Structure formats: C-alpha cells, structure tokens
Amino acid sequence: ECFVTAWAGKGHAKWNAGGKRGVYRHNVNPTDREGSHPTEKPWRLFSELLVDFTNPGETILDPFMGSGTTLVACAKLGRKGIGIELDPDYFEIACKRVRDAYSQPDLFIAPPAKPIQEVLL
C-alpha cells in the first residue's frame, strides 16, 4: 500500500529517518494481530512511521481510527494520540487494543483517561 505525508505552511517539515529509504516492510499477519477489522495494519509498521515522521511530545491524530493501530503504536512509544471512529464496534475494539498496549509489562507509561465516544452527527 502507498501513503502520502504532507506539511502545510511554515514550521516543522523534516524526515527523522536520515538517509533511510522510504520503503517499509512488515509482516501483515503477526501472531499478535487483533484481526477484527478488515484493513488492520501492523502496529510495528505504525511505530516505525511515527518515529520517522513525528517527534516526542507531539499529539498524533488518526481521523479514521478503525481498530486503533495508530493509537496502539502511540501507546507503545509513549506518545499522545487522538482517534476518531464513527463505528461503535470498531471504537470498542480500538479502546481494548489501546488498553492492552498500555498494560504490557515492559511499558512504564501511565494509562490515559477512559475514552468516550462523542456523538458527532
């Protein structure tokens, strides 16, 4: 799959990966795959993308959260993330995945407040 990153206006516009090629290869069906969303991406891929394209302390927005892979990667990196998902079932799956990511024994990051799904329409 292809993706595009973009910046608008002045300010931060750099790639943190130095001379690394912009090709990412990850197993799409690892043993820890949740699997309830039809297009779930590997959290390890998103961790690598977040390290390459964001800085610690920044807040990451995923406007089409799905099963929450971006927020799982944020949790594992100790970064703040905001997700938006209209489907209540996928929202609950994402919340569970993020809670599970924070409960890993190798993490020393305080879990965020309990998420709520707002009514947008």
PDB file of N, CA and C in Angstrom:
ATOM      1  N   GLU A   1       0.838  -1.175   0.000  1.00  0.00           N
ATOM      2  CA  GLU A   1       0.000   0.000   0.000  1.00  0.00           C
ATOM      3  C   GLU A   1       0.881   1.235   0.000  1.00  0.00           C
ATOM      4  N   CYS A   2       0.391   2.296  -0.573  1.00  0.00           N
ATOM      5  CA  CYS A   2       1.124   3.558  -0.605  1.00  0.00           C
ATOM      6  C   CYS A   2       0.501   4.530   0.386  1.00  0.00           C
ATOM      7  N   PHE A   3       1.300   5.473   0.859  1.00  0.00           N
ATOM      8  CA  PHE A   3       0.775   6.537   1.711  1.00  0.00           C
ATOM      9  C   PHE A   3       1.506   7.820   1.370  1.00  0.00           C
ATOM     10  N   VAL A   4       0.907   8.915   1.718  1.00  0.00           N
ATOM     11  CA  VAL A   4       1.483  10.222   1.455  1.00  0.00           C
ATOM     12  C   VAL A   4       1.543  10.981   2.768  1.00  0.00           C
ATOM     13  N   THR A   5       2.632  11.694   2.993  1.00  0.00           N
ATOM     14  CA  THR A   5       2.711  12.603   4.124  1.00  0.00           C
ATOM     15  C   THR A   5       2.860  14.006   3.565  1.00  0.00           C
ATOM     16  N   ALA A   6       2.315  14.966   4.277  1.00  0.00           N
ATOM     17  CA  ALA A   6       2.362  16.337   3.781  1.00  0.00           C
ATOM     18  C   ALA A   6       2.455  17.312   4.939  1.00  0.00           C
ATOM     19  N   TRP A   7       3.030  18.451   4.675  1.00  0.00           N
ATOM     20  CA  TRP A   7       3.105  19.540   5.636  1.00  0.00           C
ATOM     21  C   TRP A   7       2.450  20.758   5.012  1.00  0.00           C
ATOM     22  N   ALA A   8       1.882  21.601   5.834  1.00  0.00           N
ATOM     23  CA  ALA A   8       1.247  22.825   5.336  1.00  0.00           C
ATOM     24  C   ALA A   8       1.887  24.026   6.026  1.00  0.00           C
ATOM     25  N   GLY A   9       2.253  25.015   5.234  1.00  0.00           N
ATOM     26  CA  GLY A   9       2.772  26.256   5.806  1.00  0.00           C
ATOM     27  C   GLY A   9       4.185  26.122   6.336  1.00  0.00           C
ATOM     28  N   LYS A  10       4.574  27.066   7.161  1.00  0.00           N
ATOM     29  CA  LYS A  10       5.913  27.086   7.744  1.00  0.00           C
ATOM     30  C   LYS A  10       5.972  26.147   8.939  1.00  0.00           C
ATOM     31  N   GLY A  11       7.164  25.925   9.394  1.00  0.00           N
ATOM     32  CA  GLY A  11       7.313  25.105  10.595  1.00  0.00           C
ATOM     33  C   GLY A  11       8.018  23.808  10.304  1.00  0.00           C
ATOM     34  N   HIS A  12       7.735  22.814  11.113  1.00  0.00           N
ATOM     35  CA  HIS A  12       8.420  21.527  11.042  1.00  0.00           C
ATOM     36  C   HIS A  12       8.121  20.834   9.720  1.00  0.00           C
ATOM     37  N   ALA A  13       9.162  20.502   8.988  1.00  0.00           N
ATOM     38  CA  ALA A  13       8.998  19.767   7.733  1.00  0.00           C
ATOM     39  C   ALA A  13      10.272  18.979   7.477  1.00  0.00           C
ATOM     40  N   LYS A  14      10.497  17.938   8.263  1.00  0.00           N
ATOM     41  CA  LYS A  14      11.680  17.121   8.041  1.00  0.00           C
ATOM     42  C   LYS A  14      11.358  15.655   8.314  1.00  0.00           C
ATOM     43  N   TRP A  15      12.212  14.825   7.772  1.00  0.00           N
ATOM     44  CA  TRP A  15      12.078  13.393   7.950  1.00  0.00           C
ATOM     45  C   TRP A  15      13.138  12.949   8.927  1.00  0.00           C
ATOM     46  N   ASN A  16      12.738  12.328  10.025  1.00  0.00           N
ATOM     47  CA  ASN A  16      13.661  11.957  11.095  1.00  0.00           C
ATOM     48  C   ASN A  16      14.546  10.763  10.754  1.00  0.00           C
ATOM     49  N   ALA A  17      14.295  10.094   9.644  1.00  0.00           N
ATOM     50  CA  ALA A  17      14.980   8.838   9.362  1.00  0.00           C
ATOM     51  C   ALA A  17      16.317   9.008   8.640  1.00  0.00           C
ATOM     52  N   GLY A  18      16.784  10.228   8.484  1.00  0.00           N
ATOM     53  CA  GLY A  18      18.094  10.435   7.866  1.00  0.00           C
ATOM     54  C   GLY A  18      18.150   9.887   6.452  1.00  0.00           C
ATOM     55  N   GLY A  19      19.135   9.047   6.168  1.00  0.00           N
ATOM     56  CA  GLY A  19      19.315   8.519   4.814  1.00  0.00           C
ATOM     57  C   GLY A  19      18.563   7.233   4.535  1.00  0.00           C
ATOM     58  N   LYS A  20      17.688   6.834   5.427  1.00  0.00           N
ATOM     59  CA  LYS A  20      16.928   5.596   5.239  1.00  0.00           C
ATOM     60  C   LYS A  20      16.008   5.690   4.023  1.00  0.00           C
ATOM     61  N   ARG A  21      15.891   4.614   3.289  1.00  0.00           N
ATOM     62  CA  ARG A  21      14.954   4.579   2.166  1.00  0.00           C
ATOM     63  C   ARG A  21      13.536   4.595   2.703  1.00  0.00           C
ATOM     64  N   GLY A  22      12.637   5.202   1.977  1.00  0.00           N
ATOM     65  CA  GLY A  22      11.241   5.296   2.393  1.00  0.00           C
ATOM     66  C   GLY A  22      10.432   4.072   2.033  1.00  0.00           C
ATOM     67  N   VAL A  23      10.977   2.884   2.265  1.00  0.00           N
ATOM     68  CA  VAL A  23      10.267   1.640   1.995  1.00  0.00           C
ATOM     69  C   VAL A  23      10.123   0.899   3.323  1.00  0.00           C
ATOM     70  N   TYR A  24       8.896   0.557   3.658  1.00  0.00           N
ATOM     71  CA  TYR A  24       8.609  -0.098   4.933  1.00  0.00           C
ATOM     72  C   TYR A  24       8.095  -1.499   4.652  1.00  0.00           C
ATOM     73  N   ARG A  25       8.698  -2.479   5.304  1.00  0.00           N
ATOM     74  CA  ARG A  25       8.285  -3.869   5.115  1.00  0.00           C
ATOM     75  C   ARG A  25       8.005  -4.484   6.478  1.00  0.00           C
ATOM     76  N   HIS A  26       6.773  -4.939   6.642  1.00  0.00           N
ATOM     77  CA  HIS A  26       6.368  -5.567   7.904  1.00  0.00           C
ATOM     78  C   HIS A  26       5.413  -6.704   7.607  1.00  0.00           C
ATOM     79  N   ASN A  27       5.479  -7.740   8.435  1.00  0.00           N
ATOM     80  CA  ASN A  27       4.553  -8.853   8.343  1.00  0.00           C
ATOM     81  C   ASN A  27       3.132  -8.335   8.609  1.00  0.00           C
ATOM     82  N   VAL A  28       2.215  -8.572   7.690  1.00  0.00           N
ATOM     83  CA  VAL A  28       0.850  -8.061   7.855  1.00  0.00           C
ATOM     84  C   VAL A  28      -0.025  -8.982   8.698  1.00  0.00           C
ATOM     85  N   ASN A  29       0.488 -10.155   9.038  1.00  0.00           N
ATOM     86  CA  ASN A  29      -0.307 -11.091   9.834  1.00  0.00           C
ATOM     87  C   ASN A  29       0.521 -11.655  10.989  1.00  0.00           C
ATOM     88  N   PRO A  30       1.039 -10.762  11.887  1.00  0.00           N
ATOM     89  CA  PRO A  30       1.835 -11.257  13.010  1.00  0.00           C
ATOM     90  C   PRO A  30       0.962 -11.999  14.023  1.00  0.00           C
ATOM     91  N   THR A  31       1.600 -12.707  14.920  1.00  0.00           N
ATOM     92  CA  THR A  31       0.845 -13.514  15.893  1.00  0.00           C
ATOM     93  C   THR A  31       0.011 -12.659  16.834  1.00  0.00           C
ATOM     94  N   ASP A  32       0.387 -11.397  17.036  1.00  0.00           N
ATOM     95  CA  ASP A  32      -0.388 -10.540  17.936  1.00  0.00           C
ATOM     96  C   ASP A  32      -1.417  -9.683  17.191  1.00  0.00           C
ATOM     97  N   ARG A  33      -1.729 -10.029  15.967  1.00  0.00           N
ATOM     98  CA  ARG A  33      -2.736  -9.295  15.197  1.00  0.00           C
ATOM     99  C   ARG A  33      -4.100  -9.488  15.836  1.00  0.00           C
ATOM    100  N   GLU A  34      -4.843  -8.391  15.994  1.00  0.00           N
ATOM    101  CA  GLU A  34      -6.175  -8.471  16.598  1.00  0.00           C
ATOM    102  C   GLU A  34      -7.135  -9.123  15.606  1.00  0.00           C
ATOM    103  N   GLY A  35      -7.209  -8.602  14.386  1.00  0.00           N
ATOM    104  CA  GLY A  35      -7.926  -9.255  13.303  1.00  0.00           C
ATOM    105  C   GLY A  35      -9.402  -8.970  13.164  1.00  0.00           C
ATOM    106  N   SER A  36      -9.986  -8.092  13.964  1.00  0.00           N
ATOM    107  CA  SER A  36     -11.425  -7.827  13.868  1.00  0.00           C
ATOM    108  C   SER A  36     -11.776  -6.760  12.837  1.00  0.00           C
ATOM    109  N   HIS A  37     -10.780  -6.072  12.302  1.00  0.00           N
ATOM    110  CA  HIS A  37     -11.025  -5.019  11.309  1.00  0.00           C
ATOM    111  C   HIS A  37     -10.491  -5.519   9.960  1.00  0.00           C
ATOM    112  N   PRO A  38     -11.221  -5.299   8.861  1.00  0.00           N
ATOM    113  CA  PRO A  38     -10.800  -5.862   7.573  1.00  0.00           C
ATOM    114  C   PRO A  38      -9.498  -5.283   7.021  1.00  0.00           C
ATOM    115  N   THR A  39      -9.096  -4.090   7.441  1.00  0.00           N
ATOM    116  CA  THR A  39      -7.859  -3.500   6.914  1.00  0.00           C
ATOM    117  C   THR A  39      -6.874  -3.158   8.029  1.00  0.00           C
ATOM    118  N   GLU A  40      -6.853  -3.955   9.080  1.00  0.00           N
ATOM    119  CA  GLU A  40      -5.941  -3.703  10.197  1.00  0.00           C
ATOM    120  C   GLU A  40      -4.494  -3.720   9.706  1.00  0.00           C
ATOM    121  N   LYS A  41      -3.725  -2.724  10.146  1.00  0.00           N
ATOM    122  CA  LYS A  41      -2.311  -2.625   9.795  1.00  0.00           C
ATOM    123  C   LYS A  41      -1.471  -3.080  10.985  1.00  0.00           C
ATOM    124  N   PRO A  42      -0.229  -3.506  10.732  1.00  0.00           N
ATOM    125  CA  PRO A  42       0.643  -3.922  11.835  1.00  0.00           C
ATOM    126  C   PRO A  42       1.062  -2.731  12.694  1.00  0.00           C
ATOM    127  N   TRP A  43       0.948  -2.842  14.007  1.00  0.00           N
ATOM    128  CA  TRP A  43       1.325  -1.726  14.883  1.00  0.00           C
ATOM    129  C   TRP A  43       2.814  -1.449  14.786  1.00  0.00           C
ATOM    130  N   ARG A  44       3.626  -2.452  14.480  1.00  0.00           N
ATOM    131  CA  ARG A  44       5.070  -2.228  14.353  1.00  0.00           C
ATOM    132  C   ARG A  44       5.369  -1.295  13.176  1.00  0.00           C
ATOM    133  N   LEU A  45       4.623  -1.423  12.092  1.00  0.00           N
ATOM    134  CA  LEU A  45       4.756  -0.513  10.955  1.00  0.00           C
ATOM    135  C   LEU A  45       4.441   0.914  11.385  1.00  0.00           C
ATOM    136  N   PHE A  46       3.349   1.080  12.115  1.00  0.00           N
ATOM    137  CA  PHE A  46       2.954   2.424  12.528  1.00  0.00           C
ATOM    138  C   PHE A  46       3.914   3.003  13.556  1.00  0.00           C
ATOM    139  N   SER A  47       4.521   2.165  14.383  1.00  0.00           N
ATOM    140  CA  SER A  47       5.552   2.654  15.304  1.00  0.00           C
ATOM    141  C   SER A  47       6.728   3.212  14.516  1.00  0.00           C
ATOM    142  N   GLU A  48       7.138   2.499  13.493  1.00  0.00           N
ATOM    143  CA  GLU A  48       8.247   2.971  12.668  1.00  0.00           C
ATOM    144  C   GLU A  48       7.885   4.280  11.958  1.00  0.00           C
ATOM    145  N   LEU A  49       6.678   4.371  11.432  1.00  0.00           N
ATOM    146  CA  LEU A  49       6.234   5.595  10.762  1.00  0.00           C
ATOM    147  C   LEU A  49       6.198   6.773  11.737  1.00  0.00           C
ATOM    148  N   LEU A  50       5.691   6.532  12.949  1.00  0.00           N
ATOM    149  CA  LEU A  50       5.625   7.607  13.933  1.00  0.00           C
ATOM    150  C   LEU A  50       7.022   8.097  14.322  1.00  0.00           C
ATOM    151  N   VAL A  51       7.959   7.188  14.471  1.00  0.00           N
ATOM    152  CA  VAL A  51       9.323   7.586  14.799  1.00  0.00           C
ATOM    153  C   VAL A  51       9.934   8.399  13.653  1.00  0.00           C
ATOM    154  N   ASP A  52       9.660   7.990  12.414  1.00  0.00           N
ATOM    155  CA  ASP A  52      10.240   8.665  11.251  1.00  0.00           C
ATOM    156  C   ASP A  52       9.596  10.016  10.953  1.00  0.00           C
ATOM    157  N   PHE A  53       8.324  10.186  11.278  1.00  0.00           N
ATOM    158  CA  PHE A  53       7.617  11.385  10.832  1.00  0.00           C
ATOM    159  C   PHE A  53       7.100  12.293  11.948  1.00  0.00           C
ATOM    160  N   THR A  54       7.272  11.912  13.210  1.00  0.00           N
ATOM    161  CA  THR A  54       6.805  12.756  14.310  1.00  0.00           C
ATOM    162  C   THR A  54       7.897  12.851  15.365  1.00  0.00           C
ATOM    163  N   ASN A  55       7.717  13.774  16.284  1.00  0.00           N
ATOM    164  CA  ASN A  55       8.673  13.959  17.378  1.00  0.00           C
ATOM    165  C   ASN A  55       7.996  13.662  18.707  1.00  0.00           C
ATOM    166  N   PRO A  56       8.780  13.208  19.702  1.00  0.00           N
ATOM    167  CA  PRO A  56       8.210  13.015  21.040  1.00  0.00           C
ATOM    168  C   PRO A  56       7.564  14.314  21.515  1.00  0.00           C
ATOM    169  N   GLY A  57       6.437  14.160  22.203  1.00  0.00           N
ATOM    170  CA  GLY A  57       5.724  15.328  22.709  1.00  0.00           C
ATOM    171  C   GLY A  57       4.629  15.827  21.783  1.00  0.00           C
ATOM    172  N   GLU A  58       4.666  15.424  20.518  1.00  0.00           N
ATOM    173  CA  GLU A  58       3.609  15.826  19.596  1.00  0.00           C
ATOM    174  C   GLU A  58       2.389  14.935  19.804  1.00  0.00           C
ATOM    175  N   THR A  59       1.220  15.466  19.491  1.00  0.00           N
ATOM    176  CA  THR A  59      -0.017  14.690  19.563  1.00  0.00           C
ATOM    177  C   THR A  59      -0.363  14.207  18.161  1.00  0.00           C
ATOM    178  N   ILE A  60      -0.657  12.918  18.041  1.00  0.00           N
ATOM    179  CA  ILE A  60      -0.946  12.289  16.759  1.00  0.00           C
ATOM    180  C   ILE A  60      -2.463  12.169  16.610  1.00  0.00           C
ATOM    181  N   LEU A  61      -2.987  12.573  15.462  1.00  0.00           N
ATOM    182  CA  LEU A  61      -4.420  12.464  15.170  1.00  0.00           C
ATOM    183  C   LEU A  61      -4.638  11.382  14.128  1.00  0.00           C
ATOM    184  N   ASP A  62      -5.533  10.459  14.425  1.00  0.00           N
ATOM    185  CA  ASP A  62      -5.972   9.456  13.452  1.00  0.00           C
ATOM    186  C   ASP A  62      -7.468   9.664  13.243  1.00  0.00           C
ATOM    187  N   PRO A  63      -7.857  10.389  12.171  1.00  0.00           N
ATOM    188  CA  PRO A  63      -9.268  10.715  11.976  1.00  0.00           C
ATOM    189  C   PRO A  63     -10.126   9.550  11.496  1.00  0.00           C
ATOM    190  N   PHE A  64      -9.507   8.431  11.141  1.00  0.00           N
ATOM    191  CA  PHE A  64     -10.236   7.236  10.712  1.00  0.00           C
ATOM    192  C   PHE A  64      -9.638   6.058  11.475  1.00  0.00           C
ATOM    193  N   MET A  65      -9.888   6.020  12.768  1.00  0.00           N
ATOM    194  CA  MET A  65      -9.177   5.159  13.707  1.00  0.00           C
ATOM    195  C   MET A  65      -9.334   3.669  13.444  1.00  0.00           C
ATOM    196  N   GLY A  66     -10.467   3.227  12.962  1.00  0.00           N
ATOM    197  CA  GLY A  66     -10.656   1.791  12.753  1.00  0.00           C
ATOM    198  C   GLY A  66     -10.439   1.035  14.040  1.00  0.00           C
ATOM    199  N   SER A  67      -9.553   0.031  13.993  1.00  0.00           N
ATOM    200  CA  SER A  67      -9.303  -0.781  15.187  1.00  0.00           C
ATOM    201  C   SER A  67      -8.181  -0.228  16.057  1.00  0.00           C
ATOM    202  N   GLY A  68      -7.686   0.971  15.760  1.00  0.00           N
ATOM    203  CA  GLY A  68      -6.799   1.675  16.668  1.00  0.00           C
ATOM    204  C   GLY A  68      -5.309   1.425  16.543  1.00  0.00           C
ATOM    205  N   THR A  69      -4.846   0.944  15.402  1.00  0.00           N
ATOM    206  CA  THR A  69      -3.430   0.620  15.258  1.00  0.00           C
ATOM    207  C   THR A  69      -2.524   1.818  15.525  1.00  0.00           C
ATOM    208  N   THR A  70      -2.894   2.991  15.018  1.00  0.00           N
ATOM    209  CA  THR A  70      -2.064   4.181  15.242  1.00  0.00           C
ATOM    210  C   THR A  70      -1.957   4.491  16.727  1.00  0.00           C
ATOM    211  N   LEU A  71      -3.061   4.364  17.451  1.00  0.00           N
ATOM    212  CA  LEU A  71      -3.037   4.660  18.886  1.00  0.00           C
ATOM    213  C   LEU A  71      -2.300   3.588  19.682  1.00  0.00           C
ATOM    214  N   VAL A  72      -2.313   2.354  19.204  1.00  0.00           N
ATOM    215  CA  VAL A  72      -1.514   1.305  19.835  1.00  0.00           C
ATOM    216  C   VAL A  72      -0.034   1.660  19.699  1.00  0.00           C
ATOM    217  N   ALA A  73       0.363   2.094  18.508  1.00  0.00           N
ATOM    218  CA  ALA A  73       1.756   2.498  18.305  1.00  0.00           C
ATOM    219  C   ALA A  73       2.103   3.697  19.183  1.00  0.00           C
ATOM    220  N   CYS A  74       1.187   4.653  19.297  1.00  0.00           N
ATOM    221  CA  CYS A  74       1.412   5.807  20.184  1.00  0.00           C
ATOM    222  C   CYS A  74       1.640   5.333  21.615  1.00  0.00           C
ATOM    223  N   ALA A  75       0.808   4.419  22.084  1.00  0.00           N
ATOM    224  CA  ALA A  75       0.928   3.913  23.456  1.00  0.00           C
ATOM    225  C   ALA A  75       2.283   3.255  23.670  1.00  0.00           C
ATOM    226  N   LYS A  76       2.725   2.475  22.703  1.00  0.00           N
ATOM    227  CA  LYS A  76       3.991   1.771  22.846  1.00  0.00           C
ATOM    228  C   LYS A  76       5.182   2.712  22.773  1.00  0.00           C
ATOM    229  N   LEU A  77       5.012   3.871  22.127  1.00  0.00           N
ATOM    230  CA  LEU A  77       6.086   4.863  22.033  1.00  0.00           C
ATOM    231  C   LEU A  77       5.993   5.940  23.115  1.00  0.00           C
ATOM    232  N   GLY A  78       4.926   5.910  23.907  1.00  0.00           N
ATOM    233  CA  GLY A  78       4.744   6.931  24.928  1.00  0.00           C
ATOM    234  C   GLY A  78       4.320   8.268  24.352  1.00  0.00           C
ATOM    235  N   ARG A  79       3.609   8.240  23.228  1.00  0.00           N
ATOM    236  CA  ARG A  79       3.158   9.477  22.582  1.00  0.00           C
ATOM    237  C   ARG A  79       1.657   9.630  22.768  1.00  0.00           C
ATOM    238  N   LYS A  80       1.198  10.864  22.721  1.00  0.00           N
ATOM    239  CA  LYS A  80      -0.228  11.131  22.846  1.00  0.00           C
ATOM    240  C   LYS A  80      -0.895  10.902  21.494  1.00  0.00           C
ATOM    241  N   GLY A  81      -2.082  10.326  21.527  1.00  0.00           N
ATOM    242  CA  GLY A  81      -2.820  10.094  20.292  1.00  0.00           C
ATOM    243  C   GLY A  81      -4.301  10.362  20.480  1.00  0.00           C
ATOM    244  N   ILE A  82      -4.917  10.852  19.436  1.00  0.00           N
ATOM    245  CA  ILE A  82      -6.359  11.083  19.401  1.00  0.00           C
ATOM    246  C   ILE A  82      -6.905  10.305  18.211  1.00  0.00           C
ATOM    247  N   GLY A  83      -7.958   9.540  18.446  1.00  0.00           N
ATOM    248  CA  GLY A  83      -8.570   8.779  17.366  1.00  0.00           C
ATOM    249  C   GLY A  83     -10.033   9.123  17.223  1.00  0.00           C
ATOM    250  N   ILE A  84     -10.496   9.114  15.994  1.00  0.00           N
ATOM    251  CA  ILE A  84     -11.912   9.357  15.696  1.00  0.00           C
ATOM    252  C   ILE A  84     -12.426   8.159  14.914  1.00  0.00           C
ATOM    253  N   GLU A  85     -13.514   7.571  15.377  1.00  0.00           N
ATOM    254  CA  GLU A  85     -14.119   6.422  14.696  1.00  0.00           C
ATOM    255  C   GLU A  85     -15.625   6.482  14.870  1.00  0.00           C
ATOM    256  N   LEU A  86     -16.349   6.446  13.765  1.00  0.00           N
ATOM    257  CA  LEU A  86     -17.808   6.516  13.815  1.00  0.00           C
ATOM    258  C   LEU A  86     -18.454   5.195  14.214  1.00  0.00           C
ATOM    259  N   ASP A  87     -17.852   4.088  13.837  1.00  0.00           N
ATOM    260  CA  ASP A  87     -18.447   2.782  14.108  1.00  0.00           C
ATOM    261  C   ASP A  87     -18.214   2.404  15.574  1.00  0.00           C
ATOM    262  N   PRO A  88     -19.290   2.277  16.376  1.00  0.00           N
ATOM    263  CA  PRO A  88     -19.124   1.977  17.811  1.00  0.00           C
ATOM    264  C   PRO A  88     -18.403   0.655  18.068  1.00  0.00           C
ATOM    265  N   ASP A  89     -18.606  -0.341  17.211  1.00  0.00           N
ATOM    266  CA  ASP A  89     -17.937  -1.625  17.416  1.00  0.00           C
ATOM    267  C   ASP A  89     -16.427  -1.494  17.227  1.00  0.00           C
ATOM    268  N   TYR A  90     -15.999  -0.824  16.167  1.00  0.00           N
ATOM    269  CA  TYR A  90     -14.567  -0.617  15.952  1.00  0.00           C
ATOM    270  C   TYR A  90     -13.975   0.280  17.033  1.00  0.00           C
ATOM    271  N   PHE A  91     -14.759   1.258  17.498  1.00  0.00           N
ATOM    272  CA  PHE A  91     -14.294   2.124  18.587  1.00  0.00           C
ATOM    273  C   PHE A  91     -13.979   1.277  19.818  1.00  0.00           C
ATOM    274  N   GLU A  92     -14.857   0.347  20.168  1.00  0.00           N
ATOM    275  CA  GLU A  92     -14.634  -0.515  21.338  1.00  0.00           C
ATOM    276  C   GLU A  92     -13.427  -1.424  21.134  1.00  0.00           C
ATOM    277  N   ILE A  93     -13.262  -1.946  19.916  1.00  0.00           N
ATOM    278  CA  ILE A  93     -12.083  -2.773  19.624  1.00  0.00           C
ATOM    279  C   ILE A  93     -10.817  -1.948  19.811  1.00  0.00           C
ATOM    280  N   ALA A  94     -10.816  -0.716  19.299  1.00  0.00           N
ATOM    281  CA  ALA A  94      -9.653   0.165  19.432  1.00  0.00           C
ATOM    282  C   ALA A  94      -9.356   0.454  20.901  1.00  0.00           C
ATOM    283  N   CYS A  95     -10.382   0.740  21.680  1.00  0.00           N
ATOM    284  CA  CYS A  95     -10.183   1.015  23.115  1.00  0.00           C
ATOM    285  C   CYS A  95      -9.542  -0.180  23.809  1.00  0.00           C
ATOM    286  N   LYS A  96     -10.009  -1.379  23.493  1.00  0.00           N
ATOM    287  CA  LYS A  96      -9.435  -2.583  24.097  1.00  0.00           C
ATOM    288  C   LYS A  96      -7.976  -2.751  23.689  1.00  0.00           C
ATOM    289  N   ARG A  97      -7.674  -2.542  22.415  1.00  0.00           N
ATOM    290  CA  ARG A  97      -6.293  -2.688  21.943  1.00  0.00           C
ATOM    291  C   ARG A  97      -5.367  -1.677  22.612  1.00  0.00           C
ATOM    292  N   VAL A  98      -5.846  -0.443  22.784  1.00  0.00           N
ATOM    293  CA  VAL A  98      -5.016   0.580  23.433  1.00  0.00           C
ATOM    294  C   VAL A  98      -4.812   0.240  24.906  1.00  0.00           C
ATOM    295  N   ARG A  99      -5.877  -0.197  25.581  1.00  0.00           N
ATOM    296  CA  ARG A  99      -5.733  -0.618  26.993  1.00  0.00           C
ATOM    297  C   ARG A  99      -4.715  -1.754  27.097  1.00  0.00           C
ATOM    298  N   ASP A 100      -4.821  -2.723  26.192  1.00  0.00           N
ATOM    299  CA  ASP A 100      -3.876  -3.842  26.204  1.00  0.00           C
ATOM    300  C   ASP A 100      -2.443  -3.362  25.967  1.00  0.00           C
ATOM    301  N   ALA A 101      -2.274  -2.401  25.063  1.00  0.00           N
ATOM    302  CA  ALA A 101      -0.933  -1.867  24.785  1.00  0.00           C
ATOM    303  C   ALA A 101      -0.349  -1.206  26.030  1.00  0.00           C
ATOM    304  N   TYR A 102      -1.171  -0.478  26.767  1.00  0.00           N
ATOM    305  CA  TYR A 102      -0.694   0.174  27.990  1.00  0.00           C
ATOM    306  C   TYR A 102      -0.429  -0.836  29.104  1.00  0.00           C
ATOM    307  N   SER A 103      -1.057  -2.001  29.051  1.00  0.00           N
ATOM    308  CA  SER A 103      -0.886  -2.971  30.132  1.00  0.00           C
ATOM    309  C   SER A 103       0.322  -3.882  29.926  1.00  0.00           C
ATOM    310  N   GLN A 104       1.063  -3.707  28.863  1.00  0.00           N
ATOM    311  CA  GLN A 104       2.246  -4.534  28.626  1.00  0.00           C
ATOM    312  C   GLN A 104       3.243  -4.300  29.755  1.00  0.00           C
ATOM    313  N   PRO A 105       3.865  -5.345  30.256  1.00  0.00           N
ATOM    314  CA  PRO A 105       4.757  -5.197  31.410  1.00  0.00           C
ATOM    315  C   PRO A 105       6.019  -4.392  31.131  1.00  0.00           C
ATOM    316  N   ASP A 106       6.419  -4.245  29.872  1.00  0.00           N
ATOM    317  CA  ASP A 106       7.640  -3.512  29.575  1.00  0.00           C
ATOM    318  C   ASP A 106       7.407  -2.009  29.440  1.00  0.00           C
ATOM    319  N   LEU A 107       6.185  -1.569  29.617  1.00  0.00           N
ATOM    320  CA  LEU A 107       5.888  -0.145  29.498  1.00  0.00           C
ATOM    321  C   LEU A 107       5.768   0.489  30.884  1.00  0.00           C
ATOM    322  N   PHE A 108       6.287   1.693  30.994  1.00  0.00           N
ATOM    323  CA  PHE A 108       6.200   2.428  32.242  1.00  0.00           C
ATOM    324  C   PHE A 108       5.496   3.751  31.988  1.00  0.00           C
ATOM    325  N   ILE A 109       4.390   3.663  31.274  1.00  0.00           N
ATOM    326  CA  ILE A 109       3.637   4.838  30.863  1.00  0.00           C
ATOM    327  C   ILE A 109       2.274   4.779  31.534  1.00  0.00           C
ATOM    328  N   ALA A 110       1.884   5.866  32.164  1.00  0.00           N
ATOM    329  CA  ALA A 110       0.580   5.904  32.826  1.00  0.00           C
ATOM    330  C   ALA A 110      -0.527   5.845  31.778  1.00  0.00           C
ATOM    331  N   PRO A 111      -1.541   5.012  31.976  1.00  0.00           N
ATOM    332  CA  PRO A 111      -2.631   4.933  31.011  1.00  0.00           C
ATOM    333  C   PRO A 111      -3.435   6.230  30.976  1.00  0.00           C
ATOM    334  N   PRO A 112      -3.997   6.545  29.818  1.00  0.00           N
ATOM    335  CA  PRO A 112      -4.795   7.768  29.702  1.00  0.00           C
ATOM    336  C   PRO A 112      -6.151   7.593  30.374  1.00  0.00           C
ATOM    337  N   ALA A 113      -6.890   8.684  30.454  1.00  0.00           N
ATOM    338  CA  ALA A 113      -8.257   8.627  30.988  1.00  0.00           C
ATOM    339  C   ALA A 113      -9.113   7.732  30.098  1.00  0.00           C
ATOM    340  N   LYS A 114     -10.183   7.191  30.663  1.00  0.00           N
ATOM    341  CA  LYS A 114     -11.088   6.310  29.915  1.00  0.00           C
ATOM    342  C   LYS A 114     -11.649   7.049  28.691  1.00  0.00           C
ATOM    343  N   PRO A 115     -11.520   6.457  27.493  1.00  0.00           N
ATOM    344  CA  PRO A 115     -12.021   7.129  26.294  1.00  0.00           C
ATOM    345  C   PRO A 115     -13.544   7.119  26.232  1.00  0.00           C
ATOM    346  N   ILE A 116     -14.104   8.119  25.583  1.00  0.00           N
ATOM    347  CA  ILE A 116     -15.540   8.176  25.373  1.00  0.00           C
ATOM    348  C   ILE A 116     -15.790   8.429  23.897  1.00  0.00           C
ATOM    349  N   GLN A 117     -16.866   7.905  23.398  1.00  0.00           N
ATOM    350  CA  GLN A 117     -17.218   8.147  22.016  1.00  0.00           C
ATOM    351  C   GLN A 117     -18.267   9.249  21.979  1.00  0.00           C
ATOM    352  N   GLU A 118     -17.897  10.366  21.368  1.00  0.00           N
ATOM    353  CA  GLU A 118     -18.790  11.508  21.245  1.00  0.00           C
ATOM    354  C   GLU A 118     -19.760  11.295  20.088  1.00  0.00           C
ATOM    355  N   VAL A 119     -20.909  11.904  20.157  1.00  0.00           N
ATOM    356  CA  VAL A 119     -21.871  11.859  19.059  1.00  0.00           C
ATOM    357  C   VAL A 119     -21.544  13.048  18.161  1.00  0.00           C
ATOM    358  N   LEU A 120     -21.159  12.765  16.917  1.00  0.00           N
ATOM    359  CA  LEU A 120     -20.747  13.829  16.013  1.00  0.00           C
ATOM    360  C   LEU A 120     -21.870  14.359  15.153  1.00  0.00           C
ATOM    361  N   LEU A 121     -22.829  13.501  14.863  1.00  0.00           N
ATOM    362  CA  LEU A 121     -23.907  13.932  13.966  1.00  0.00           C
ATOM    363  C   LEU A 121     -25.234  13.973  14.674  1.00  0.00           C
TER     364      LEU A 121
END
